[in-house]
Amino acid sequence: MVPIVASQAQIAPSAAEIATYDALFRAVVKEDIDALERELSSGKNPDRRDAHGRSALHVAAFYGNHDAMRKLVAAGADANALENDYYDIATIAAVANDTATLKLALELGCSAGNVTSRYDGTALIAAAHLGHVEAVKILIAAGAPLDHVNNLGWTALIESIVLGDGGERHTQTLRVLVEAGANVNLADENGSTPLALARVRNYRKMVTILQSAGAR
């Protein structure tokens, strides 16, 4: 399987890194479950890290290797571990728009409320930024905090506006967040409300959704 290259903000294992991997990590990359089971049964630490701070579970999430994810967590791997750029497996999957892996990450115990990335965001904020509507729905259903504010002063709702393009995906993302109860009047650090941010960009459909929800 070709690895998931989620975004420039996330770093999947490079070919050079993979060449240095020990048997545990190689088994994940090659989707060799028998070899993975042998490594785990021999007492190998399922949470050991590569040079970028990725555990084998992070690597499995990048590759969408679900069997490996299950085996690693069953062996004690931390489903909420963060790699060097502070991504967990749910955020890796959300950014990649890999909804199957996202659902599995949450089922395995990765919290939708984790603070992730160098922006102190969440998987929900990352998914909203990219207009990944189904990922947003999955994370909301899993209890992701709707109004978490990252270190840029933005919520998921605001990111769907300021980092979106005003098109169908980002408009639908905003609609889903509004319908879930996101605060439509929570302003950014400059005091600009979501409605003001949508208006200045001439995102008319977003403006209509926000006004209908009582935005000021």
N, C-alpha and C. Protein backbone atom coordinates (compact mmCIF):
# COMPACT_ATOMS: atom_id res chain seq x y z
N MET A 1 0.85 -1.20 0.00
CA MET A 1 0.00 0.00 0.00
C MET A 1 0.89 1.25 0.00
N VAL A 2 0.51 2.23 -0.79
CA VAL A 2 1.25 3.50 -0.82
C VAL A 2 0.96 4.27 0.45
N PRO A 3 1.99 4.84 1.10
CA PRO A 3 1.75 5.57 2.34
C PRO A 3 0.91 6.81 2.11
N ILE A 4 0.18 7.22 3.15
CA ILE A 4 -0.63 8.42 3.09
C ILE A 4 0.27 9.62 3.33
N VAL A 5 0.41 10.51 2.37
CA VAL A 5 1.14 11.75 2.57
C VAL A 5 0.10 12.79 2.94
N ALA A 6 -0.05 13.04 4.23
CA ALA A 6 -1.18 13.82 4.72
C ALA A 6 -1.07 15.28 4.34
N SER A 7 0.09 15.87 4.50
CA SER A 7 0.23 17.30 4.31
C SER A 7 1.69 17.63 4.55
N GLN A 8 2.10 18.76 4.06
CA GLN A 8 3.47 19.18 4.34
C GLN A 8 3.68 19.40 5.83
N ALA A 9 2.60 19.62 6.57
CA ALA A 9 2.71 19.82 8.01
C ALA A 9 2.95 18.51 8.74
N GLN A 10 2.66 17.41 8.08
CA GLN A 10 2.90 16.09 8.66
C GLN A 10 3.93 15.37 7.82
N ILE A 11 4.79 14.65 8.49
CA ILE A 11 5.91 14.03 7.80
C ILE A 11 5.79 12.52 7.87
N ALA A 12 5.39 11.91 6.76
CA ALA A 12 5.39 10.46 6.68
C ALA A 12 6.82 9.96 6.56
N PRO A 13 7.08 8.71 6.93
CA PRO A 13 8.45 8.20 6.83
C PRO A 13 9.00 8.28 5.41
N SER A 14 10.21 8.77 5.29
CA SER A 14 10.86 8.84 3.98
C SER A 14 11.49 7.49 3.65
N ALA A 15 11.88 7.34 2.39
CA ALA A 15 12.54 6.10 1.97
C ALA A 15 13.83 5.90 2.74
N ALA A 16 14.55 7.00 3.00
CA ALA A 16 15.81 6.90 3.74
C ALA A 16 15.57 6.44 5.17
N GLU A 17 14.51 6.95 5.77
CA GLU A 17 14.19 6.52 7.14
C GLU A 17 13.78 5.06 7.16
N ILE A 18 12.94 4.68 6.22
CA ILE A 18 12.47 3.29 6.18
C ILE A 18 13.65 2.33 6.04
N ALA A 19 14.69 2.74 5.32
CA ALA A 19 15.86 1.89 5.13
C ALA A 19 16.59 1.63 6.45
N THR A 20 16.39 2.51 7.44
CA THR A 20 17.06 2.34 8.73
C THR A 20 16.18 1.62 9.75
N TYR A 21 14.94 1.33 9.40
CA TYR A 21 14.00 0.76 10.36
C TYR A 21 14.40 -0.64 10.81
N ASP A 22 14.14 -0.92 12.08
CA ASP A 22 14.35 -2.26 12.59
C ASP A 22 13.16 -3.14 12.21
N ALA A 23 13.17 -4.37 12.69
CA ALA A 23 12.18 -5.36 12.24
C ALA A 23 10.76 -4.96 12.61
N LEU A 24 10.58 -4.32 13.78
CA LEU A 24 9.23 -3.93 14.20
C LEU A 24 8.63 -2.93 13.22
N PHE A 25 9.37 -1.88 12.93
CA PHE A 25 8.87 -0.85 12.02
C PHE A 25 8.76 -1.38 10.59
N ARG A 26 9.70 -2.20 10.18
CA ARG A 26 9.65 -2.76 8.82
C ARG A 26 8.40 -3.61 8.64
N ALA A 27 8.04 -4.35 9.68
CA ALA A 27 6.85 -5.20 9.59
C ALA A 27 5.60 -4.36 9.36
N VAL A 28 5.54 -3.16 9.99
CA VAL A 28 4.40 -2.26 9.80
C VAL A 28 4.39 -1.74 8.37
N VAL A 29 5.54 -1.27 7.89
CA VAL A 29 5.62 -0.71 6.54
C VAL A 29 5.26 -1.76 5.49
N LYS A 30 5.72 -2.99 5.70
CA LYS A 30 5.49 -4.06 4.72
C LYS A 30 4.14 -4.75 4.92
N GLU A 31 3.41 -4.33 5.95
CA GLU A 31 2.13 -4.96 6.27
C GLU A 31 2.29 -6.46 6.49
N ASP A 32 3.39 -6.81 7.15
CA ASP A 32 3.69 -8.21 7.45
C ASP A 32 3.24 -8.47 8.89
N ILE A 33 2.00 -8.90 9.05
CA ILE A 33 1.42 -9.07 10.38
C ILE A 33 2.09 -10.23 11.13
N ASP A 34 2.47 -11.26 10.43
CA ASP A 34 3.16 -12.38 11.10
C ASP A 34 4.47 -11.89 11.72
N ALA A 35 5.23 -11.10 10.96
CA ALA A 35 6.49 -10.58 11.49
C ALA A 35 6.24 -9.62 12.64
N LEU A 36 5.19 -8.82 12.53
CA LEU A 36 4.85 -7.89 13.60
C LEU A 36 4.51 -8.65 14.87
N GLU A 37 3.73 -9.70 14.75
CA GLU A 37 3.37 -10.50 15.92
C GLU A 37 4.60 -11.14 16.55
N ARG A 38 5.55 -11.58 15.73
CA ARG A 38 6.77 -12.18 16.27
C ARG A 38 7.56 -11.14 17.07
N GLU A 39 7.65 -9.92 16.52
CA GLU A 39 8.39 -8.87 17.22
C GLU A 39 7.72 -8.51 18.54
N LEU A 40 6.41 -8.40 18.53
CA LEU A 40 5.70 -8.03 19.74
C LEU A 40 5.75 -9.15 20.78
N SER A 41 5.63 -10.39 20.34
CA SER A 41 5.66 -11.51 21.28
C SER A 41 7.05 -11.72 21.86
N SER A 42 8.08 -11.20 21.19
CA SER A 42 9.45 -11.32 21.70
C SER A 42 9.78 -10.24 22.73
N GLY A 43 8.79 -9.37 23.00
CA GLY A 43 8.99 -8.37 24.03
C GLY A 43 9.43 -7.01 23.54
N LYS A 44 9.41 -6.79 22.24
CA LYS A 44 9.80 -5.48 21.71
C LYS A 44 8.81 -4.40 22.19
N ASN A 45 9.34 -3.27 22.57
CA ASN A 45 8.52 -2.16 23.06
C ASN A 45 7.66 -1.61 21.92
N PRO A 46 6.33 -1.70 22.01
CA PRO A 46 5.49 -1.21 20.91
C PRO A 46 5.49 0.31 20.79
N ASP A 47 6.04 0.99 21.81
CA ASP A 47 6.04 2.46 21.79
C ASP A 47 7.41 3.06 21.48
N ARG A 48 8.38 2.25 21.07
CA ARG A 48 9.68 2.83 20.75
C ARG A 48 9.54 3.75 19.55
N ARG A 49 10.42 4.72 19.40
CA ARG A 49 10.27 5.78 18.41
C ARG A 49 11.36 5.74 17.35
N ASP A 50 11.02 6.26 16.16
CA ASP A 50 12.02 6.43 15.11
C ASP A 50 12.66 7.81 15.27
N ALA A 51 13.46 8.21 14.32
CA ALA A 51 14.22 9.46 14.45
C ALA A 51 13.33 10.69 14.46
N HIS A 52 12.11 10.57 13.96
CA HIS A 52 11.17 11.70 13.98
C HIS A 52 10.18 11.60 15.13
N GLY A 53 10.44 10.70 16.04
CA GLY A 53 9.56 10.56 17.19
C GLY A 53 8.29 9.79 16.91
N ARG A 54 8.22 9.14 15.76
CA ARG A 54 7.04 8.35 15.44
C ARG A 54 7.13 6.98 16.10
N SER A 55 6.04 6.54 16.67
CA SER A 55 5.95 5.15 17.11
C SER A 55 5.52 4.31 15.90
N ALA A 56 5.59 3.00 16.06
CA ALA A 56 5.11 2.13 14.98
C ALA A 56 3.64 2.39 14.70
N LEU A 57 2.89 2.81 15.73
CA LEU A 57 1.47 3.10 15.54
C LEU A 57 1.28 4.33 14.64
N HIS A 58 2.10 5.35 14.81
CA HIS A 58 2.03 6.51 13.90
C HIS A 58 2.30 6.07 12.47
N VAL A 59 3.32 5.25 12.31
CA VAL A 59 3.66 4.78 10.96
C VAL A 59 2.51 3.97 10.38
N ALA A 60 1.90 3.13 11.18
CA ALA A 60 0.75 2.35 10.71
C ALA A 60 -0.39 3.27 10.28
N ALA A 61 -0.60 4.37 11.01
CA ALA A 61 -1.66 5.31 10.64
C ALA A 61 -1.34 6.00 9.32
N PHE A 62 -0.10 6.39 9.12
CA PHE A 62 0.28 7.00 7.84
C PHE A 62 0.03 6.04 6.68
N TYR A 63 0.26 4.76 6.91
CA TYR A 63 0.09 3.77 5.85
C TYR A 63 -1.33 3.20 5.79
N GLY A 64 -2.19 3.58 6.73
CA GLY A 64 -3.52 3.01 6.76
C GLY A 64 -3.50 1.52 7.02
N ASN A 65 -2.52 1.06 7.81
CA ASN A 65 -2.37 -0.36 8.09
C ASN A 65 -3.18 -0.71 9.34
N HIS A 66 -4.44 -1.06 9.13
CA HIS A 66 -5.36 -1.25 10.24
C HIS A 66 -5.04 -2.47 11.10
N ASP A 67 -4.64 -3.56 10.47
CA ASP A 67 -4.30 -4.75 11.25
C ASP A 67 -3.13 -4.44 12.18
N ALA A 68 -2.15 -3.73 11.68
CA ALA A 68 -1.00 -3.38 12.52
C ALA A 68 -1.42 -2.46 13.65
N MET A 69 -2.29 -1.52 13.38
CA MET A 69 -2.77 -0.61 14.43
C MET A 69 -3.42 -1.40 15.56
N ARG A 70 -4.27 -2.35 15.19
CA ARG A 70 -4.95 -3.15 16.21
C ARG A 70 -3.96 -3.97 17.02
N LYS A 71 -3.01 -4.61 16.34
CA LYS A 71 -2.03 -5.45 17.03
C LYS A 71 -1.17 -4.60 17.98
N LEU A 72 -0.77 -3.43 17.54
CA LEU A 72 0.10 -2.59 18.36
C LEU A 72 -0.61 -2.10 19.62
N VAL A 73 -1.85 -1.67 19.46
CA VAL A 73 -2.60 -1.20 20.63
C VAL A 73 -2.88 -2.36 21.58
N ALA A 74 -3.19 -3.52 21.04
CA ALA A 74 -3.42 -4.69 21.88
C ALA A 74 -2.17 -5.06 22.67
N ALA A 75 -1.00 -4.74 22.10
CA ALA A 75 0.27 -5.03 22.76
C ALA A 75 0.70 -3.92 23.72
N GLY A 76 -0.12 -2.87 23.82
CA GLY A 76 0.18 -1.81 24.78
C GLY A 76 0.62 -0.49 24.20
N ALA A 77 0.61 -0.34 22.88
CA ALA A 77 1.00 0.93 22.27
C ALA A 77 0.05 2.04 22.72
N ASP A 78 0.59 3.21 22.93
CA ASP A 78 -0.19 4.37 23.39
C ASP A 78 -0.95 4.97 22.22
N ALA A 79 -2.27 4.87 22.25
CA ALA A 79 -3.10 5.39 21.16
C ALA A 79 -3.13 6.90 21.12
N ASN A 80 -2.67 7.56 22.19
CA ASN A 80 -2.67 9.02 22.25
C ASN A 80 -1.28 9.64 22.15
N ALA A 81 -0.30 8.83 21.78
CA ALA A 81 1.07 9.33 21.69
C ALA A 81 1.18 10.41 20.60
N LEU A 82 2.08 11.37 20.84
CA LEU A 82 2.37 12.42 19.88
C LEU A 82 3.78 12.24 19.33
N GLU A 83 3.94 12.47 18.01
CA GLU A 83 5.28 12.43 17.44
C GLU A 83 5.91 13.82 17.54
N ASN A 84 7.07 14.01 16.91
CA ASN A 84 7.83 15.24 17.13
C ASN A 84 7.10 16.51 16.72
N ASP A 85 6.17 16.43 15.77
CA ASP A 85 5.38 17.60 15.37
C ASP A 85 4.04 17.63 16.10
N TYR A 86 3.92 16.79 17.13
CA TYR A 86 2.76 16.79 18.03
C TYR A 86 1.46 16.31 17.36
N TYR A 87 1.61 15.39 16.43
CA TYR A 87 0.43 14.79 15.82
C TYR A 87 0.15 13.42 16.45
N ASP A 88 -1.13 13.14 16.68
CA ASP A 88 -1.54 11.81 17.10
C ASP A 88 -2.13 11.08 15.89
N ILE A 89 -2.53 9.83 16.11
CA ILE A 89 -2.99 9.04 14.97
C ILE A 89 -4.32 9.56 14.41
N ALA A 90 -5.16 10.14 15.26
CA ALA A 90 -6.43 10.68 14.76
C ALA A 90 -6.19 11.89 13.87
N THR A 91 -5.26 12.76 14.26
CA THR A 91 -4.99 13.95 13.45
C THR A 91 -4.31 13.56 12.14
N ILE A 92 -3.43 12.58 12.19
CA ILE A 92 -2.80 12.09 10.96
C ILE A 92 -3.88 11.62 9.98
N ALA A 93 -4.83 10.85 10.48
CA ALA A 93 -5.90 10.32 9.62
C ALA A 93 -6.84 11.42 9.17
N ALA A 94 -7.15 12.38 10.06
CA ALA A 94 -8.07 13.46 9.70
C ALA A 94 -7.50 14.34 8.61
N VAL A 95 -6.22 14.67 8.72
CA VAL A 95 -5.58 15.51 7.70
C VAL A 95 -5.52 14.78 6.37
N ALA A 96 -5.31 13.47 6.42
CA ALA A 96 -5.27 12.67 5.19
C ALA A 96 -6.65 12.42 4.61
N ASN A 97 -7.69 12.79 5.37
CA ASN A 97 -9.08 12.49 4.98
C ASN A 97 -9.30 10.99 4.82
N ASP A 98 -8.59 10.24 5.63
CA ASP A 98 -8.72 8.78 5.64
C ASP A 98 -9.72 8.43 6.74
N THR A 99 -10.99 8.45 6.39
CA THR A 99 -12.03 8.30 7.41
C THR A 99 -12.05 6.91 8.05
N ALA A 100 -11.67 5.90 7.31
CA ALA A 100 -11.64 4.55 7.89
C ALA A 100 -10.57 4.47 8.98
N THR A 101 -9.41 5.03 8.70
CA THR A 101 -8.34 5.03 9.70
C THR A 101 -8.69 5.94 10.87
N LEU A 102 -9.36 7.04 10.59
CA LEU A 102 -9.80 7.93 11.67
C LEU A 102 -10.76 7.21 12.61
N LYS A 103 -11.74 6.53 12.05
CA LYS A 103 -12.70 5.79 12.89
C LYS A 103 -11.98 4.76 13.74
N LEU A 104 -11.03 4.05 13.14
CA LEU A 104 -10.30 3.04 13.88
C LEU A 104 -9.46 3.67 14.98
N ALA A 105 -8.80 4.78 14.68
CA ALA A 105 -7.98 5.47 15.69
C ALA A 105 -8.82 5.81 16.91
N LEU A 106 -10.02 6.30 16.68
CA LEU A 106 -10.91 6.66 17.78
C LEU A 106 -11.39 5.41 18.52
N GLU A 107 -11.69 4.36 17.78
CA GLU A 107 -12.12 3.10 18.41
C GLU A 107 -11.01 2.52 19.29
N LEU A 108 -9.77 2.73 18.89
CA LEU A 108 -8.63 2.19 19.63
C LEU A 108 -8.25 3.04 20.84
N GLY A 109 -8.95 4.15 21.03
CA GLY A 109 -8.72 4.94 22.23
C GLY A 109 -8.07 6.28 22.04
N CYS A 110 -7.80 6.67 20.80
CA CYS A 110 -7.25 8.01 20.57
C CYS A 110 -8.37 9.03 20.83
N SER A 111 -8.09 10.01 21.67
CA SER A 111 -9.12 10.97 22.06
C SER A 111 -9.29 12.06 21.02
N ALA A 112 -10.54 12.36 20.69
CA ALA A 112 -10.84 13.46 19.77
C ALA A 112 -10.55 14.81 20.41
N GLY A 113 -10.29 14.81 21.71
CA GLY A 113 -10.00 16.04 22.42
C GLY A 113 -8.54 16.34 22.59
N ASN A 114 -7.66 15.51 22.05
CA ASN A 114 -6.23 15.76 22.20
C ASN A 114 -5.84 17.09 21.58
N VAL A 115 -4.93 17.81 22.24
CA VAL A 115 -4.34 19.02 21.68
C VAL A 115 -3.14 18.58 20.85
N THR A 116 -3.19 18.87 19.56
CA THR A 116 -2.18 18.36 18.64
C THR A 116 -1.64 19.47 17.75
N SER A 117 -0.52 19.19 17.14
CA SER A 117 0.20 20.06 16.20
C SER A 117 0.91 21.18 16.91
N ARG A 118 1.81 21.83 16.19
CA ARG A 118 2.57 22.96 16.75
C ARG A 118 1.69 24.19 16.92
N TYR A 119 0.44 24.10 16.45
CA TYR A 119 -0.50 25.21 16.60
C TYR A 119 -1.44 25.00 17.79
N ASP A 120 -1.17 23.99 18.61
CA ASP A 120 -2.02 23.68 19.77
C ASP A 120 -3.48 23.55 19.33
N GLY A 121 -3.68 22.85 18.25
CA GLY A 121 -5.02 22.67 17.71
C GLY A 121 -5.61 21.33 18.11
N THR A 122 -6.49 20.84 17.29
CA THR A 122 -7.12 19.52 17.46
C THR A 122 -7.28 18.88 16.10
N ALA A 123 -7.62 17.62 16.10
CA ALA A 123 -7.91 16.94 14.83
C ALA A 123 -9.08 17.61 14.13
N LEU A 124 -10.05 18.10 14.90
CA LEU A 124 -11.22 18.76 14.31
C LEU A 124 -10.82 20.05 13.60
N ILE A 125 -9.97 20.83 14.22
CA ILE A 125 -9.51 22.06 13.58
C ILE A 125 -8.77 21.75 12.28
N ALA A 126 -7.92 20.73 12.32
CA ALA A 126 -7.17 20.34 11.12
C ALA A 126 -8.11 19.91 10.00
N ALA A 127 -9.12 19.12 10.34
CA ALA A 127 -10.07 18.65 9.33
C ALA A 127 -10.90 19.79 8.78
N ALA A 128 -11.30 20.73 9.65
CA ALA A 128 -12.09 21.88 9.20
C ALA A 128 -11.29 22.78 8.29
N HIS A 129 -10.04 22.98 8.61
CA HIS A 129 -9.13 23.77 7.78
C HIS A 129 -9.11 23.25 6.35
N LEU A 130 -9.11 21.94 6.21
CA LEU A 130 -8.99 21.32 4.89
C LEU A 130 -10.34 21.02 4.23
N GLY A 131 -11.43 21.30 4.94
CA GLY A 131 -12.75 21.04 4.36
C GLY A 131 -13.06 19.57 4.23
N HIS A 132 -12.57 18.77 5.16
CA HIS A 132 -12.82 17.33 5.15
C HIS A 132 -14.10 17.05 5.94
N VAL A 133 -15.22 17.16 5.25
CA VAL A 133 -16.53 17.17 5.89
C VAL A 133 -16.80 15.90 6.68
N GLU A 134 -16.56 14.73 6.08
CA GLU A 134 -16.87 13.48 6.78
C GLU A 134 -15.99 13.31 8.01
N ALA A 135 -14.72 13.70 7.90
CA ALA A 135 -13.83 13.63 9.06
C ALA A 135 -14.34 14.55 10.17
N VAL A 136 -14.82 15.72 9.80
CA VAL A 136 -15.39 16.65 10.77
C VAL A 136 -16.58 16.00 11.48
N LYS A 137 -17.46 15.36 10.72
CA LYS A 137 -18.63 14.71 11.31
C LYS A 137 -18.22 13.61 12.29
N ILE A 138 -17.24 12.82 11.88
CA ILE A 138 -16.77 11.72 12.73
C ILE A 138 -16.20 12.25 14.04
N LEU A 139 -15.41 13.31 13.96
CA LEU A 139 -14.78 13.87 15.15
C LEU A 139 -15.81 14.52 16.07
N ILE A 140 -16.80 15.18 15.49
CA ILE A 140 -17.86 15.76 16.31
C ILE A 140 -18.60 14.66 17.06
N ALA A 141 -18.92 13.59 16.35
CA ALA A 141 -19.63 12.47 16.98
C ALA A 141 -18.81 11.84 18.10
N ALA A 142 -17.48 11.95 17.99
CA ALA A 142 -16.59 11.38 19.00
C ALA A 142 -16.34 12.33 20.16
N GLY A 143 -16.98 13.50 20.13
CA GLY A 143 -16.87 14.42 21.24
C GLY A 143 -15.76 15.44 21.13
N ALA A 144 -15.28 15.70 19.93
CA ALA A 144 -14.24 16.73 19.76
C ALA A 144 -14.74 18.07 20.27
N PRO A 145 -13.90 18.83 20.95
CA PRO A 145 -14.33 20.14 21.46
C PRO A 145 -14.59 21.11 20.30
N LEU A 146 -15.81 21.60 20.22
CA LEU A 146 -16.21 22.43 19.08
C LEU A 146 -15.55 23.80 19.10
N ASP A 147 -15.28 24.33 20.27
CA ASP A 147 -14.83 25.71 20.37
C ASP A 147 -13.40 25.84 20.89
N HIS A 148 -12.60 24.79 20.73
CA HIS A 148 -11.19 24.89 21.10
C HIS A 148 -10.52 25.98 20.27
N VAL A 149 -9.72 26.81 20.93
CA VAL A 149 -9.01 27.89 20.25
C VAL A 149 -7.53 27.55 20.19
N ASN A 150 -6.96 27.53 18.97
CA ASN A 150 -5.54 27.21 18.85
C ASN A 150 -4.67 28.44 19.10
N ASN A 151 -3.36 28.29 18.96
CA ASN A 151 -2.48 29.41 19.30
C ASN A 151 -2.43 30.49 18.21
N LEU A 152 -3.23 30.32 17.16
CA LEU A 152 -3.43 31.39 16.18
C LEU A 152 -4.67 32.21 16.53
N GLY A 153 -5.40 31.75 17.57
CA GLY A 153 -6.63 32.43 17.96
C GLY A 153 -7.84 31.99 17.18
N TRP A 154 -7.76 30.80 16.56
CA TRP A 154 -8.83 30.33 15.67
C TRP A 154 -9.47 29.05 16.19
N THR A 155 -10.77 28.96 16.01
CA THR A 155 -11.53 27.72 16.25
C THR A 155 -11.65 26.95 14.94
N ALA A 156 -12.25 25.76 15.03
CA ALA A 156 -12.52 25.00 13.80
C ALA A 156 -13.43 25.79 12.88
N LEU A 157 -14.44 26.46 13.44
CA LEU A 157 -15.37 27.26 12.64
C LEU A 157 -14.64 28.38 11.91
N ILE A 158 -13.77 29.07 12.62
CA ILE A 158 -13.03 30.16 12.00
C ILE A 158 -12.08 29.63 10.93
N GLU A 159 -11.42 28.50 11.20
CA GLU A 159 -10.50 27.96 10.19
C GLU A 159 -11.22 27.55 8.92
N SER A 160 -12.46 27.10 9.05
CA SER A 160 -13.21 26.74 7.83
C SER A 160 -13.45 27.96 6.95
N ILE A 161 -13.39 29.13 7.57
CA ILE A 161 -13.57 30.39 6.81
C ILE A 161 -12.22 30.93 6.34
N VAL A 162 -11.32 31.18 7.28
CA VAL A 162 -10.10 31.92 6.93
C VAL A 162 -9.07 31.07 6.19
N LEU A 163 -9.13 29.75 6.36
CA LEU A 163 -8.20 28.88 5.63
C LEU A 163 -8.92 28.08 4.55
N GLY A 164 -10.21 28.32 4.40
CA GLY A 164 -10.97 27.68 3.33
C GLY A 164 -11.00 28.55 2.09
N ASP A 165 -11.74 28.09 1.10
CA ASP A 165 -11.83 28.84 -0.16
C ASP A 165 -13.25 29.33 -0.43
N GLY A 166 -14.15 29.14 0.55
CA GLY A 166 -15.53 29.56 0.35
C GLY A 166 -16.33 28.65 -0.55
N GLY A 167 -15.71 27.54 -0.96
CA GLY A 167 -16.38 26.60 -1.85
C GLY A 167 -17.28 25.63 -1.10
N GLU A 168 -17.77 24.63 -1.81
CA GLU A 168 -18.77 23.72 -1.26
C GLU A 168 -18.25 22.95 -0.05
N ARG A 169 -17.02 22.43 -0.12
CA ARG A 169 -16.51 21.62 0.98
C ARG A 169 -16.40 22.44 2.27
N HIS A 170 -15.83 23.62 2.17
CA HIS A 170 -15.65 24.43 3.38
C HIS A 170 -16.98 25.00 3.86
N THR A 171 -17.88 25.30 2.93
CA THR A 171 -19.21 25.78 3.34
C THR A 171 -19.96 24.68 4.07
N GLN A 172 -19.88 23.46 3.56
CA GLN A 172 -20.54 22.34 4.23
C GLN A 172 -19.89 22.06 5.58
N THR A 173 -18.58 22.20 5.65
CA THR A 173 -17.89 22.04 6.93
C THR A 173 -18.41 23.03 7.95
N LEU A 174 -18.52 24.29 7.53
CA LEU A 174 -19.05 25.31 8.43
C LEU A 174 -20.47 24.97 8.86
N ARG A 175 -21.29 24.51 7.93
CA ARG A 175 -22.68 24.17 8.24
C ARG A 175 -22.74 23.06 9.30
N VAL A 176 -21.91 22.04 9.12
CA VAL A 176 -21.88 20.92 10.07
C VAL A 176 -21.48 21.41 11.46
N LEU A 177 -20.49 22.28 11.52
CA LEU A 177 -20.04 22.80 12.81
C LEU A 177 -21.14 23.65 13.47
N VAL A 178 -21.80 24.47 12.67
CA VAL A 178 -22.89 25.30 13.20
C VAL A 178 -24.01 24.42 13.73
N GLU A 179 -24.40 23.43 12.96
CA GLU A 179 -25.50 22.55 13.36
C GLU A 179 -25.16 21.74 14.60
N ALA A 180 -23.86 21.50 14.81
CA ALA A 180 -23.42 20.75 15.99
C ALA A 180 -23.38 21.62 17.24
N GLY A 181 -23.49 22.95 17.04
CA GLY A 181 -23.51 23.84 18.19
C GLY A 181 -22.27 24.66 18.41
N ALA A 182 -21.39 24.74 17.41
CA ALA A 182 -20.21 25.59 17.55
C ALA A 182 -20.64 27.04 17.77
N ASN A 183 -19.89 27.76 18.56
CA ASN A 183 -20.20 29.15 18.90
C ASN A 183 -19.98 30.05 17.68
N VAL A 184 -21.05 30.58 17.13
CA VAL A 184 -20.94 31.39 15.90
C VAL A 184 -20.52 32.82 16.19
N ASN A 185 -20.41 33.17 17.45
CA ASN A 185 -20.02 34.54 17.81
C ASN A 185 -18.68 34.61 18.54
N LEU A 186 -17.97 33.49 18.57
CA LEU A 186 -16.65 33.48 19.21
C LEU A 186 -15.64 34.10 18.26
N ALA A 187 -15.13 35.28 18.63
CA ALA A 187 -14.25 36.05 17.75
C ALA A 187 -12.81 35.54 17.82
N ASP A 188 -12.02 35.93 16.82
CA ASP A 188 -10.61 35.61 16.84
C ASP A 188 -9.87 36.58 17.76
N GLU A 189 -8.56 36.47 17.84
CA GLU A 189 -7.79 37.28 18.79
C GLU A 189 -7.77 38.76 18.40
N ASN A 190 -8.20 39.06 17.18
CA ASN A 190 -8.29 40.46 16.75
C ASN A 190 -9.69 41.03 16.94
N GLY A 191 -10.59 40.21 17.46
CA GLY A 191 -11.95 40.65 17.69
C GLY A 191 -12.88 40.48 16.50
N SER A 192 -12.40 39.82 15.45
CA SER A 192 -13.23 39.60 14.26
C SER A 192 -14.09 38.36 14.46
N THR A 193 -15.38 38.50 14.29
CA THR A 193 -16.30 37.37 14.44
C THR A 193 -16.31 36.53 13.17
N PRO A 194 -16.80 35.29 13.28
CA PRO A 194 -16.93 34.48 12.06
C PRO A 194 -17.74 35.18 10.97
N LEU A 195 -18.80 35.88 11.35
CA LEU A 195 -19.62 36.56 10.36
C LEU A 195 -18.81 37.65 9.66
N ALA A 196 -18.06 38.42 10.42
CA ALA A 196 -17.24 39.47 9.81
C ALA A 196 -16.18 38.88 8.90
N LEU A 197 -15.59 37.76 9.31
CA LEU A 197 -14.55 37.12 8.50
C LEU A 197 -15.13 36.57 7.20
N ALA A 198 -16.35 36.04 7.24
CA ALA A 198 -16.99 35.54 6.03
C ALA A 198 -17.41 36.69 5.12
N ARG A 199 -17.89 37.77 5.72
CA ARG A 199 -18.32 38.92 4.91
C ARG A 199 -17.16 39.55 4.16
N VAL A 200 -16.03 39.75 4.84
CA VAL A 200 -14.91 40.42 4.19
C VAL A 200 -14.36 39.60 3.03
N ARG A 201 -14.59 38.29 3.06
CA ARG A 201 -14.15 37.41 1.97
C ARG A 201 -15.23 37.20 0.92
N ASN A 202 -16.39 37.79 1.16
CA ASN A 202 -17.53 37.67 0.25
C ASN A 202 -17.97 36.22 0.09
N TYR A 203 -17.91 35.46 1.21
CA TYR A 203 -18.38 34.07 1.19
C TYR A 203 -19.87 34.10 1.54
N ARG A 204 -20.71 34.33 0.53
CA ARG A 204 -22.11 34.62 0.77
C ARG A 204 -22.88 33.47 1.40
N LYS A 205 -22.61 32.25 0.96
CA LYS A 205 -23.32 31.10 1.54
C LYS A 205 -22.96 30.95 3.02
N MET A 206 -21.71 31.17 3.34
CA MET A 206 -21.30 31.10 4.74
C MET A 206 -21.98 32.19 5.56
N VAL A 207 -22.06 33.38 4.99
CA VAL A 207 -22.73 34.49 5.67
C VAL A 207 -24.18 34.12 5.99
N THR A 208 -24.86 33.54 5.01
CA THR A 208 -26.27 33.16 5.21
C THR A 208 -26.41 32.12 6.32
N ILE A 209 -25.54 31.11 6.31
CA ILE A 209 -25.59 30.08 7.35
C ILE A 209 -25.37 30.69 8.74
N LEU A 210 -24.38 31.56 8.82
CA LEU A 210 -24.04 32.16 10.11
C LEU A 210 -25.17 33.07 10.60
N GLN A 211 -25.73 33.86 9.71
CA GLN A 211 -26.83 34.75 10.11
C GLN A 211 -28.03 33.96 10.58
N SER A 212 -28.32 32.86 9.88
CA SER A 212 -29.47 32.03 10.27
C SER A 212 -29.28 31.41 11.65
N ALA A 213 -27.99 31.27 12.05
CA ALA A 213 -27.69 30.70 13.36
C ALA A 213 -27.54 31.76 14.45
N GLY A 214 -27.83 33.01 14.11
CA GLY A 214 -27.78 34.08 15.10
C GLY A 214 -26.44 34.77 15.21
N ALA A 215 -25.58 34.61 14.22
CA ALA A 215 -24.28 35.27 14.27
C ALA A 215 -24.44 36.78 14.15
N ARG A 216 -23.55 37.47 14.85
CA ARG A 216 -23.57 38.94 14.83
C ARG A 216 -22.25 39.47 14.28
